[in-house]
Amino acid sequence: MLVAGIALFAFGGFGGGDAKLLAVGALWIGFDQLPLFLALTAALGGILALVIVKYRAHPVLGVYAPDWAMKLHKPGSGIPYGIAIAGAALLVLPVTPWIVATAG
């Protein structure tokens, strides 16, 4: 997963932190649940992208917002994909051996 993340980073598809988070998330989730984790990451990433596109299309003017929120209005600023990676990891966590073994 780290190699895939680094490749995405090299081609501009991911940030460096996103690549590392994806690799750590994959280690945390385990091989058995990896397809579910990747599918949820892609789905949540798509939803996140749609939300940010909508956010960029309708800027809120005259309202104070933190710098990170205002940076999202810039078309070339990218999408914080770490949100989708972390969300997918949290959704898959309950079915991982880490949780299943301690619940029984």
PDB file of N, CA and C in Angstrom:
ATOM      1  N   MET A   1       0.821  -1.183   0.000  1.00  0.00           N
ATOM      2  CA  MET A   1       0.000   0.000   0.000  1.00  0.00           C
ATOM      3  C   MET A   1       0.873   1.258   0.000  1.00  0.00           C
ATOM      4  N   LEU A   2       1.993   1.182   0.682  1.00  0.00           N
ATOM      5  CA  LEU A   2       2.872   2.347   0.694  1.00  0.00           C
ATOM      6  C   LEU A   2       3.409   2.632  -0.697  1.00  0.00           C
ATOM      7  N   VAL A   3       3.757   1.596  -1.435  1.00  0.00           N
ATOM      8  CA  VAL A   3       4.262   1.785  -2.803  1.00  0.00           C
ATOM      9  C   VAL A   3       3.170   2.394  -3.677  1.00  0.00           C
ATOM     10  N   ALA A   4       1.942   1.916  -3.543  1.00  0.00           N
ATOM     11  CA  ALA A   4       0.824   2.486  -4.310  1.00  0.00           C
ATOM     12  C   ALA A   4       0.600   3.943  -3.923  1.00  0.00           C
ATOM     13  N   GLY A   5       0.670   4.234  -2.635  1.00  0.00           N
ATOM     14  CA  GLY A   5       0.506   5.614  -2.178  1.00  0.00           C
ATOM     15  C   GLY A   5       1.610   6.526  -2.679  1.00  0.00           C
ATOM     16  N   ILE A   6       2.840   6.025  -2.678  1.00  0.00           N
ATOM     17  CA  ILE A   6       3.961   6.819  -3.181  1.00  0.00           C
ATOM     18  C   ILE A   6       3.808   7.056  -4.680  1.00  0.00           C
ATOM     19  N   ALA A   7       3.324   6.050  -5.401  1.00  0.00           N
ATOM     20  CA  ALA A   7       3.086   6.222  -6.843  1.00  0.00           C
ATOM     21  C   ALA A   7       2.010   7.286  -7.080  1.00  0.00           C
ATOM     22  N   LEU A   8       0.937   7.248  -6.307  1.00  0.00           N
ATOM     23  CA  LEU A   8      -0.104   8.273  -6.434  1.00  0.00           C
ATOM     24  C   LEU A   8       0.448   9.656  -6.094  1.00  0.00           C
ATOM     25  N   PHE A   9       1.321   9.710  -5.097  1.00  0.00           N
ATOM     26  CA  PHE A   9       1.953  10.981  -4.735  1.00  0.00           C
ATOM     27  C   PHE A   9       2.841  11.489  -5.867  1.00  0.00           C
ATOM     28  N   ALA A  10       3.595  10.581  -6.476  1.00  0.00           N
ATOM     29  CA  ALA A  10       4.508  10.964  -7.552  1.00  0.00           C
ATOM     30  C   ALA A  10       3.760  11.527  -8.758  1.00  0.00           C
ATOM     31  N   PHE A  11       2.566  11.021  -9.017  1.00  0.00           N
ATOM     32  CA  PHE A  11       1.775  11.501 -10.154  1.00  0.00           C
ATOM     33  C   PHE A  11       0.794  12.609  -9.772  1.00  0.00           C
ATOM     34  N   GLY A  12       0.862  13.083  -8.526  1.00  0.00           N
ATOM     35  CA  GLY A  12       0.036  14.208  -8.105  1.00  0.00           C
ATOM     36  C   GLY A  12      -1.372  13.841  -7.675  1.00  0.00           C
ATOM     37  N   GLY A  13      -1.656  12.560  -7.479  1.00  0.00           N
ATOM     38  CA  GLY A  13      -2.991  12.148  -7.079  1.00  0.00           C
ATOM     39  C   GLY A  13      -3.229  12.195  -5.579  1.00  0.00           C
ATOM     40  N   PHE A  14      -2.175  12.131  -4.804  1.00  0.00           N
ATOM     41  CA  PHE A  14      -2.242  12.105  -3.345  1.00  0.00           C
ATOM     42  C   PHE A  14      -1.206  13.046  -2.784  1.00  0.00           C
ATOM     43  N   GLY A  15      -1.420  13.479  -1.563  1.00  0.00           N
ATOM     44  CA  GLY A  15      -0.378  14.169  -0.821  1.00  0.00           C
ATOM     45  C   GLY A  15       0.497  13.128  -0.125  1.00  0.00           C
ATOM     46  N   GLY A  16       1.633  13.531   0.350  1.00  0.00           N
ATOM     47  CA  GLY A  16       2.527  12.602   1.032  1.00  0.00           C
ATOM     48  C   GLY A  16       1.917  12.036   2.306  1.00  0.00           C
ATOM     49  N   GLY A  17       1.211  12.872   3.049  1.00  0.00           N
ATOM     50  CA  GLY A  17       0.549  12.409   4.267  1.00  0.00           C
ATOM     51  C   GLY A  17      -0.556  11.414   3.965  1.00  0.00           C
ATOM     52  N   ASP A  18      -1.278  11.639   2.875  1.00  0.00           N
ATOM     53  CA  ASP A  18      -2.333  10.704   2.479  1.00  0.00           C
ATOM     54  C   ASP A  18      -1.752   9.337   2.142  1.00  0.00           C
ATOM     55  N   ALA A  19      -0.619   9.316   1.467  1.00  0.00           N
ATOM     56  CA  ALA A  19       0.029   8.054   1.101  1.00  0.00           C
ATOM     57  C   ALA A  19       0.435   7.275   2.350  1.00  0.00           C
ATOM     58  N   LYS A  20       1.001   7.970   3.324  1.00  0.00           N
ATOM     59  CA  LYS A  20       1.404   7.303   4.561  1.00  0.00           C
ATOM     60  C   LYS A  20       0.195   6.852   5.368  1.00  0.00           C
ATOM     61  N   LEU A  21      -0.845   7.670   5.416  1.00  0.00           N
ATOM     62  CA  LEU A  21      -2.048   7.303   6.159  1.00  0.00           C
ATOM     63  C   LEU A  21      -2.729   6.088   5.543  1.00  0.00           C
ATOM     64  N   LEU A  22      -2.747   6.002   4.224  1.00  0.00           N
ATOM     65  CA  LEU A  22      -3.325   4.840   3.553  1.00  0.00           C
ATOM     66  C   LEU A  22      -2.558   3.566   3.916  1.00  0.00           C
ATOM     67  N   ALA A  23      -1.238   3.647   3.940  1.00  0.00           N
ATOM     68  CA  ALA A  23      -0.417   2.479   4.289  1.00  0.00           C
ATOM     69  C   ALA A  23      -0.642   2.069   5.739  1.00  0.00           C
ATOM     70  N   VAL A  24      -0.675   3.021   6.640  1.00  0.00           N
ATOM     71  CA  VAL A  24      -0.890   2.701   8.050  1.00  0.00           C
ATOM     72  C   VAL A  24      -2.299   2.164   8.262  1.00  0.00           C
ATOM     73  N   GLY A  25      -3.275   2.750   7.587  1.00  0.00           N
ATOM     74  CA  GLY A  25      -4.641   2.248   7.688  1.00  0.00           C
ATOM     75  C   GLY A  25      -4.747   0.819   7.201  1.00  0.00           C
ATOM     76  N   ALA A  26      -4.063   0.502   6.116  1.00  0.00           N
ATOM     77  CA  ALA A  26      -4.087  -0.862   5.586  1.00  0.00           C
ATOM     78  C   ALA A  26      -3.447  -1.842   6.573  1.00  0.00           C
ATOM     79  N   LEU A  27      -2.370  -1.451   7.223  1.00  0.00           N
ATOM     80  CA  LEU A  27      -1.751  -2.305   8.235  1.00  0.00           C
ATOM     81  C   LEU A  27      -2.688  -2.520   9.422  1.00  0.00           C
ATOM     82  N   TRP A  28      -3.359  -1.481   9.813  1.00  0.00           N
ATOM     83  CA  TRP A  28      -4.263  -1.511  10.954  1.00  0.00           C
ATOM     84  C   TRP A  28      -5.474  -2.397  10.659  1.00  0.00           C
ATOM     85  N   ILE A  29      -6.004  -2.295   9.446  1.00  0.00           N
ATOM     86  CA  ILE A  29      -7.193  -3.030   9.046  1.00  0.00           C
ATOM     87  C   ILE A  29      -6.877  -4.506   8.809  1.00  0.00           C
ATOM     88  N   GLY A  30      -5.760  -4.794   8.193  1.00  0.00           N
ATOM     89  CA  GLY A  30      -5.389  -6.172   7.912  1.00  0.00           C
ATOM     90  C   GLY A  30      -5.779  -6.585   6.498  1.00  0.00           C
ATOM     91  N   PHE A  31      -5.159  -7.680   6.061  1.00  0.00           N
ATOM     92  CA  PHE A  31      -5.346  -8.132   4.679  1.00  0.00           C
ATOM     93  C   PHE A  31      -6.779  -8.596   4.401  1.00  0.00           C
ATOM     94  N   ASP A  32      -7.425  -9.228   5.378  1.00  0.00           N
ATOM     95  CA  ASP A  32      -8.773  -9.763   5.162  1.00  0.00           C
ATOM     96  C   ASP A  32      -9.791  -8.679   4.830  1.00  0.00           C
ATOM     97  N   GLN A  33      -9.677  -7.554   5.462  1.00  0.00           N
ATOM     98  CA  GLN A  33     -10.647  -6.469   5.264  1.00  0.00           C
ATOM     99  C   GLN A  33     -10.140  -5.375   4.321  1.00  0.00           C
ATOM    100  N   LEU A  34      -8.993  -5.600   3.699  1.00  0.00           N
ATOM    101  CA  LEU A  34      -8.397  -4.592   2.821  1.00  0.00           C
ATOM    102  C   LEU A  34      -9.300  -4.207   1.641  1.00  0.00           C
ATOM    103  N   PRO A  35      -9.935  -5.150   0.941  1.00  0.00           N
ATOM    104  CA  PRO A  35     -10.819  -4.734  -0.165  1.00  0.00           C
ATOM    105  C   PRO A  35     -11.967  -3.836   0.295  1.00  0.00           C
ATOM    106  N   LEU A  36     -12.557  -4.152   1.443  1.00  0.00           N
ATOM    107  CA  LEU A  36     -13.626  -3.310   1.984  1.00  0.00           C
ATOM    108  C   LEU A  36     -13.098  -1.924   2.331  1.00  0.00           C
ATOM    109  N   PHE A  37     -11.919  -1.886   2.950  1.00  0.00           N
ATOM    110  CA  PHE A  37     -11.290  -0.615   3.317  1.00  0.00           C
ATOM    111  C   PHE A  37     -11.030   0.249   2.083  1.00  0.00           C
ATOM    112  N   LEU A  38     -10.493  -0.348   1.034  1.00  0.00           N
ATOM    113  CA  LEU A  38     -10.199   0.414  -0.183  1.00  0.00           C
ATOM    114  C   LEU A  38     -11.481   0.867  -0.891  1.00  0.00           C
ATOM    115  N   ALA A  39     -12.493   0.012  -0.895  1.00  0.00           N
ATOM    116  CA  ALA A  39     -13.762   0.386  -1.520  1.00  0.00           C
ATOM    117  C   ALA A  39     -14.424   1.542  -0.758  1.00  0.00           C
ATOM    118  N   LEU A  40     -14.409   1.469   0.559  1.00  0.00           N
ATOM    119  CA  LEU A  40     -14.984   2.560   1.355  1.00  0.00           C
ATOM    120  C   LEU A  40     -14.170   3.839   1.226  1.00  0.00           C
ATOM    121  N   THR A  41     -12.849   3.709   1.140  1.00  0.00           N
ATOM    122  CA  THR A  41     -12.008   4.889   0.936  1.00  0.00           C
ATOM    123  C   THR A  41     -12.355   5.567  -0.382  1.00  0.00           C
ATOM    124  N   ALA A  42     -12.522   4.775  -1.432  1.00  0.00           N
ATOM    125  CA  ALA A  42     -12.879   5.349  -2.736  1.00  0.00           C
ATOM    126  C   ALA A  42     -14.261   5.991  -2.700  1.00  0.00           C
ATOM    127  N   ALA A  43     -15.223   5.318  -2.076  1.00  0.00           N
ATOM    128  CA  ALA A  43     -16.582   5.858  -2.005  1.00  0.00           C
ATOM    129  C   ALA A  43     -16.623   7.150  -1.193  1.00  0.00           C
ATOM    130  N   LEU A  44     -15.996   7.142  -0.025  1.00  0.00           N
ATOM    131  CA  LEU A  44     -15.974   8.353   0.796  1.00  0.00           C
ATOM    132  C   LEU A  44     -15.175   9.468   0.126  1.00  0.00           C
ATOM    133  N   GLY A  45     -14.126   9.100  -0.586  1.00  0.00           N
ATOM    134  CA  GLY A  45     -13.356  10.097  -1.332  1.00  0.00           C
ATOM    135  C   GLY A  45     -14.185  10.736  -2.434  1.00  0.00           C
ATOM    136  N   GLY A  46     -15.011   9.934  -3.108  1.00  0.00           N
ATOM    137  CA  GLY A  46     -15.898  10.478  -4.133  1.00  0.00           C
ATOM    138  C   GLY A  46     -16.930  11.423  -3.548  1.00  0.00           C
ATOM    139  N   ILE A  47     -17.503  11.037  -2.415  1.00  0.00           N
ATOM    140  CA  ILE A  47     -18.462  11.914  -1.738  1.00  0.00           C
ATOM    141  C   ILE A  47     -17.784  13.201  -1.297  1.00  0.00           C
ATOM    142  N   LEU A  48     -16.598  13.080  -0.732  1.00  0.00           N
ATOM    143  CA  LEU A  48     -15.839  14.259  -0.303  1.00  0.00           C
ATOM    144  C   LEU A  48     -15.540  15.177  -1.482  1.00  0.00           C
ATOM    145  N   ALA A  49     -15.160  14.602  -2.609  1.00  0.00           N
ATOM    146  CA  ALA A  49     -14.874  15.405  -3.802  1.00  0.00           C
ATOM    147  C   ALA A  49     -16.125  16.152  -4.271  1.00  0.00           C
ATOM    148  N   LEU A  50     -17.264  15.481  -4.267  1.00  0.00           N
ATOM    149  CA  LEU A  50     -18.509  16.148  -4.663  1.00  0.00           C
ATOM    150  C   LEU A  50     -18.863  17.288  -3.722  1.00  0.00           C
ATOM    151  N   VAL A  51     -18.678  17.074  -2.436  1.00  0.00           N
ATOM    152  CA  VAL A  51     -18.970  18.126  -1.454  1.00  0.00           C
ATOM    153  C   VAL A  51     -18.059  19.326  -1.669  1.00  0.00           C
ATOM    154  N   ILE A  52     -16.778  19.075  -1.915  1.00  0.00           N
ATOM    155  CA  ILE A  52     -15.840  20.187  -2.115  1.00  0.00           C
ATOM    156  C   ILE A  52     -16.111  20.908  -3.426  1.00  0.00           C
ATOM    157  N   VAL A  53     -16.486  20.178  -4.480  1.00  0.00           N
ATOM    158  CA  VAL A  53     -16.844  20.828  -5.743  1.00  0.00           C
ATOM    159  C   VAL A  53     -18.046  21.742  -5.536  1.00  0.00           C
ATOM    160  N   LYS A  54     -19.034  21.272  -4.780  1.00  0.00           N
ATOM    161  CA  LYS A  54     -20.214  22.087  -4.475  1.00  0.00           C
ATOM    162  C   LYS A  54     -19.826  23.299  -3.632  1.00  0.00           C
ATOM    163  N   TYR A  55     -18.938  23.084  -2.672  1.00  0.00           N
ATOM    164  CA  TYR A  55     -18.445  24.151  -1.799  1.00  0.00           C
ATOM    165  C   TYR A  55     -17.727  25.222  -2.618  1.00  0.00           C
ATOM    166  N   ARG A  56     -16.958  24.797  -3.602  1.00  0.00           N
ATOM    167  CA  ARG A  56     -16.229  25.745  -4.440  1.00  0.00           C
ATOM    168  C   ARG A  56     -17.164  26.491  -5.384  1.00  0.00           C
ATOM    169  N   ALA A  57     -18.249  25.861  -5.781  1.00  0.00           N
ATOM    170  CA  ALA A  57     -19.187  26.496  -6.713  1.00  0.00           C
ATOM    171  C   ALA A  57     -20.025  27.569  -6.030  1.00  0.00           C
ATOM    172  N   HIS A  58     -20.203  27.456  -4.731  1.00  0.00           N
ATOM    173  CA  HIS A  58     -21.039  28.402  -3.989  1.00  0.00           C
ATOM    174  C   HIS A  58     -20.272  28.975  -2.806  1.00  0.00           C
ATOM    175  N   PRO A  59     -19.358  29.887  -3.074  1.00  0.00           N
ATOM    176  CA  PRO A  59     -18.573  30.450  -1.966  1.00  0.00           C
ATOM    177  C   PRO A  59     -19.437  31.301  -1.045  1.00  0.00           C
ATOM    178  N   VAL A  60     -19.126  31.242   0.216  1.00  0.00           N
ATOM    179  CA  VAL A  60     -19.815  32.054   1.208  1.00  0.00           C
ATOM    180  C   VAL A  60     -19.000  33.324   1.389  1.00  0.00           C
ATOM    181  N   LEU A  61     -19.553  34.442   0.966  1.00  0.00           N
ATOM    182  CA  LEU A  61     -18.838  35.707   1.024  1.00  0.00           C
ATOM    183  C   LEU A  61     -19.238  36.476   2.271  1.00  0.00           C
ATOM    184  N   GLY A  62     -18.292  37.182   2.840  1.00  0.00           N
ATOM    185  CA  GLY A  62     -18.566  38.030   3.989  1.00  0.00           C
ATOM    186  C   GLY A  62     -18.665  37.288   5.308  1.00  0.00           C
ATOM    187  N   VAL A  63     -18.343  36.022   5.312  1.00  0.00           N
ATOM    188  CA  VAL A  63     -18.398  35.233   6.538  1.00  0.00           C
ATOM    189  C   VAL A  63     -16.975  34.836   6.907  1.00  0.00           C
ATOM    190  N   TYR A  64     -16.642  34.990   8.188  1.00  0.00           N
ATOM    191  CA  TYR A  64     -15.314  34.590   8.631  1.00  0.00           C
ATOM    192  C   TYR A  64     -15.220  33.069   8.650  1.00  0.00           C
ATOM    193  N   ALA A  65     -14.143  32.554   8.134  1.00  0.00           N
ATOM    194  CA  ALA A  65     -13.871  31.120   8.173  1.00  0.00           C
ATOM    195  C   ALA A  65     -12.374  30.941   8.390  1.00  0.00           C
ATOM    196  N   PRO A  66     -11.976  29.833   8.991  1.00  0.00           N
ATOM    197  CA  PRO A  66     -10.541  29.580   9.183  1.00  0.00           C
ATOM    198  C   PRO A  66      -9.812  29.515   7.842  1.00  0.00           C
ATOM    199  N   ASP A  67      -8.513  29.711   7.889  1.00  0.00           N
ATOM    200  CA  ASP A  67      -7.707  29.711   6.664  1.00  0.00           C
ATOM    201  C   ASP A  67      -7.827  28.408   5.887  1.00  0.00           C
ATOM    202  N   TRP A  68      -7.876  27.266   6.605  1.00  0.00           N
ATOM    203  CA  TRP A  68      -7.963  25.985   5.912  1.00  0.00           C
ATOM    204  C   TRP A  68      -9.277  25.874   5.144  1.00  0.00           C
ATOM    205  N   ALA A  69     -10.351  26.439   5.671  1.00  0.00           N
ATOM    206  CA  ALA A  69     -11.645  26.385   4.975  1.00  0.00           C
ATOM    207  C   ALA A  69     -11.637  27.301   3.756  1.00  0.00           C
ATOM    208  N   MET A  70     -11.006  28.443   3.881  1.00  0.00           N
ATOM    209  CA  MET A  70     -10.926  29.362   2.743  1.00  0.00           C
ATOM    210  C   MET A  70     -10.007  28.800   1.654  1.00  0.00           C
ATOM    211  N   LYS A  71      -8.994  28.042   2.055  1.00  0.00           N
ATOM    212  CA  LYS A  71      -8.087  27.443   1.078  1.00  0.00           C
ATOM    213  C   LYS A  71      -8.815  26.424   0.197  1.00  0.00           C
ATOM    214  N   LEU A  72      -9.838  25.783   0.735  1.00  0.00           N
ATOM    215  CA  LEU A  72     -10.605  24.809  -0.038  1.00  0.00           C
ATOM    216  C   LEU A  72     -11.363  25.446  -1.192  1.00  0.00           C
ATOM    217  N   HIS A  73     -11.577  26.765  -1.149  1.00  0.00           N
ATOM    218  CA  HIS A  73     -12.261  27.464  -2.240  1.00  0.00           C
ATOM    219  C   HIS A  73     -11.402  27.573  -3.490  1.00  0.00           C
ATOM    220  N   LYS A  74     -10.093  27.485  -3.330  1.00  0.00           N
ATOM    221  CA  LYS A  74      -9.196  27.629  -4.473  1.00  0.00           C
ATOM    222  C   LYS A  74      -9.228  26.364  -5.324  1.00  0.00           C
ATOM    223  N   PRO A  75      -9.508  26.471  -6.613  1.00  0.00           N
ATOM    224  CA  PRO A  75      -9.646  25.282  -7.465  1.00  0.00           C
ATOM    225  C   PRO A  75      -8.416  24.372  -7.495  1.00  0.00           C
ATOM    226  N   GLY A  76      -7.219  24.886  -7.394  1.00  0.00           N
ATOM    227  CA  GLY A  76      -6.026  24.053  -7.481  1.00  0.00           C
ATOM    228  C   GLY A  76      -5.520  23.549  -6.147  1.00  0.00           C
ATOM    229  N   SER A  77      -6.268  23.756  -5.073  1.00  0.00           N
ATOM    230  CA  SER A  77      -5.753  23.429  -3.750  1.00  0.00           C
ATOM    231  C   SER A  77      -5.839  21.952  -3.390  1.00  0.00           C
ATOM    232  N   GLY A  78      -6.548  21.167  -4.158  1.00  0.00           N
ATOM    233  CA  GLY A  78      -6.635  19.736  -3.885  1.00  0.00           C
ATOM    234  C   GLY A  78      -7.739  19.402  -2.903  1.00  0.00           C
ATOM    235  N   ILE A  79      -7.846  18.127  -2.620  1.00  0.00           N
ATOM    236  CA  ILE A  79      -8.879  17.623  -1.720  1.00  0.00           C
ATOM    237  C   ILE A  79      -8.187  16.908  -0.565  1.00  0.00           C
ATOM    238  N   PRO A  80      -8.557  17.203   0.673  1.00  0.00           N
ATOM    239  CA  PRO A  80      -7.926  16.532   1.820  1.00  0.00           C
ATOM    240  C   PRO A  80      -8.407  15.088   1.948  1.00  0.00           C
ATOM    241  N   TYR A  81      -7.785  14.190   1.186  1.00  0.00           N
ATOM    242  CA  TYR A  81      -8.237  12.806   1.087  1.00  0.00           C
ATOM    243  C   TYR A  81      -8.043  12.016   2.376  1.00  0.00           C
ATOM    244  N   GLY A  82      -7.247  12.553   3.283  1.00  0.00           N
ATOM    245  CA  GLY A  82      -7.065  11.891   4.576  1.00  0.00           C
ATOM    246  C   GLY A  82      -8.377  11.730   5.328  1.00  0.00           C
ATOM    247  N   ILE A  83      -9.316  12.627   5.093  1.00  0.00           N
ATOM    248  CA  ILE A  83     -10.627  12.524   5.727  1.00  0.00           C
ATOM    249  C   ILE A  83     -11.320  11.241   5.278  1.00  0.00           C
ATOM    250  N   ALA A  84     -11.264  10.949   3.988  1.00  0.00           N
ATOM    251  CA  ALA A  84     -11.886   9.734   3.454  1.00  0.00           C
ATOM    252  C   ALA A  84     -11.157   8.482   3.951  1.00  0.00           C
ATOM    253  N   ILE A  85      -9.846   8.522   4.020  1.00  0.00           N
ATOM    254  CA  ILE A  85      -9.067   7.368   4.481  1.00  0.00           C
ATOM    255  C   ILE A  85      -9.387   7.068   5.944  1.00  0.00           C
ATOM    256  N   ALA A  86      -9.391   8.104   6.774  1.00  0.00           N
ATOM    257  CA  ALA A  86      -9.683   7.904   8.194  1.00  0.00           C
ATOM    258  C   ALA A  86     -11.122   7.448   8.401  1.00  0.00           C
ATOM    259  N   GLY A  87     -12.048   8.018   7.653  1.00  0.00           N
ATOM    260  CA  GLY A  87     -13.446   7.606   7.773  1.00  0.00           C
ATOM    261  C   GLY A  87     -13.638   6.145   7.401  1.00  0.00           C
ATOM    262  N   ALA A  88     -13.004   5.713   6.327  1.00  0.00           N
ATOM    263  CA  ALA A  88     -13.105   4.311   5.911  1.00  0.00           C
ATOM    264  C   ALA A  88     -12.496   3.390   6.964  1.00  0.00           C
ATOM    265  N   ALA A  89     -11.369   3.772   7.529  1.00  0.00           N
ATOM    266  CA  ALA A  89     -10.737   2.952   8.565  1.00  0.00           C
ATOM    267  C   ALA A  89     -11.647   2.818   9.782  1.00  0.00           C
ATOM    268  N   LEU A  90     -12.308   3.896  10.165  1.00  0.00           N
ATOM    269  CA  LEU A  90     -13.206   3.832  11.317  1.00  0.00           C
ATOM    270  C   LEU A  90     -14.451   2.991  11.030  1.00  0.00           C
ATOM    271  N   LEU A  91     -14.909   2.999   9.780  1.00  0.00           N
ATOM    272  CA  LEU A  91     -16.063   2.177   9.424  1.00  0.00           C
ATOM    273  C   LEU A  91     -15.732   0.691   9.369  1.00  0.00           C
ATOM    274  N   VAL A  92     -14.508   0.357   8.978  1.00  0.00           N
ATOM    275  CA  VAL A  92     -14.103  -1.048   8.857  1.00  0.00           C
ATOM    276  C   VAL A  92     -13.603  -1.603  10.192  1.00  0.00           C
ATOM    277  N   LEU A  93     -13.163  -0.764  11.070  1.00  0.00           N
ATOM    278  CA  LEU A  93     -12.572  -1.204  12.337  1.00  0.00           C
ATOM    279  C   LEU A  93     -13.431  -2.219  13.108  1.00  0.00           C
ATOM    280  N   PRO A  94     -14.746  -2.063  13.214  1.00  0.00           N
ATOM    281  CA  PRO A  94     -15.525  -3.028  14.014  1.00  0.00           C
ATOM    282  C   PRO A  94     -15.485  -4.474  13.512  1.00  0.00           C
ATOM    283  N   VAL A  95     -15.120  -4.699  12.261  1.00  0.00           N
ATOM    284  CA  VAL A  95     -15.081  -6.077  11.744  1.00  0.00           C
ATOM    285  C   VAL A  95     -13.649  -6.612  11.632  1.00  0.00           C
ATOM    286  N   THR A  96     -12.688  -5.916  12.167  1.00  0.00           N
ATOM    287  CA  THR A  96     -11.299  -6.370  12.130  1.00  0.00           C
ATOM    288  C   THR A  96     -11.020  -7.321  13.280  1.00  0.00           C
ATOM    289  N   PRO A  97      -9.999  -8.149  13.136  1.00  0.00           N
ATOM    290  CA  PRO A  97      -9.642  -9.069  14.236  1.00  0.00           C
ATOM    291  C   PRO A  97      -9.328  -8.352  15.548  1.00  0.00           C
ATOM    292  N   TRP A  98      -8.849  -7.121  15.471  1.00  0.00           N
ATOM    293  CA  TRP A  98      -8.525  -6.366  16.685  1.00  0.00           C
ATOM    294  C   TRP A  98      -9.752  -6.208  17.585  1.00  0.00           C
ATOM    295  N   ILE A  99     -10.876  -5.926  16.984  1.00  0.00           N
ATOM    296  CA  ILE A  99     -12.106  -5.681  17.739  1.00  0.00           C
ATOM    297  C   ILE A  99     -12.882  -6.983  17.953  1.00  0.00           C
ATOM    298  N   VAL A 100     -12.960  -7.824  16.931  1.00  0.00           N
ATOM    299  CA  VAL A 100     -13.725  -9.064  17.025  1.00  0.00           C
ATOM    300  C   VAL A 100     -13.134  -9.965  18.124  1.00  0.00           C
ATOM    301  N   ALA A 101     -11.818 -10.031  18.220  1.00  0.00           N
ATOM    302  CA  ALA A 101     -11.179 -10.890  19.220  1.00  0.00           C
ATOM    303  C   ALA A 101     -11.413 -10.392  20.641  1.00  0.00           C
ATOM    304  N   THR A 102     -11.471  -9.088  20.831  1.00  0.00           N
ATOM    305  CA  THR A 102     -11.662  -8.546  22.178  1.00  0.00           C
ATOM    306  C   THR A 102     -13.134  -8.528  22.572  1.00  0.00           C
ATOM    307  N   ALA A 103     -14.049  -8.574  21.590  1.00  0.00           N
ATOM    308  CA  ALA A 103     -15.472  -8.541  21.914  1.00  0.00           C
ATOM    309  C   ALA A 103     -15.988  -9.899  22.378  1.00  0.00           C
ATOM    310  N   GLY A 104     -15.317 -10.946  21.977  1.00  0.00           N
ATOM    311  CA  GLY A 104     -15.811 -12.291  22.292  1.00  0.00           C
ATOM    312  C   GLY A 104     -15.224 -12.784  23.528  1.00  0.00           C
TER     313      GLY A 104
END
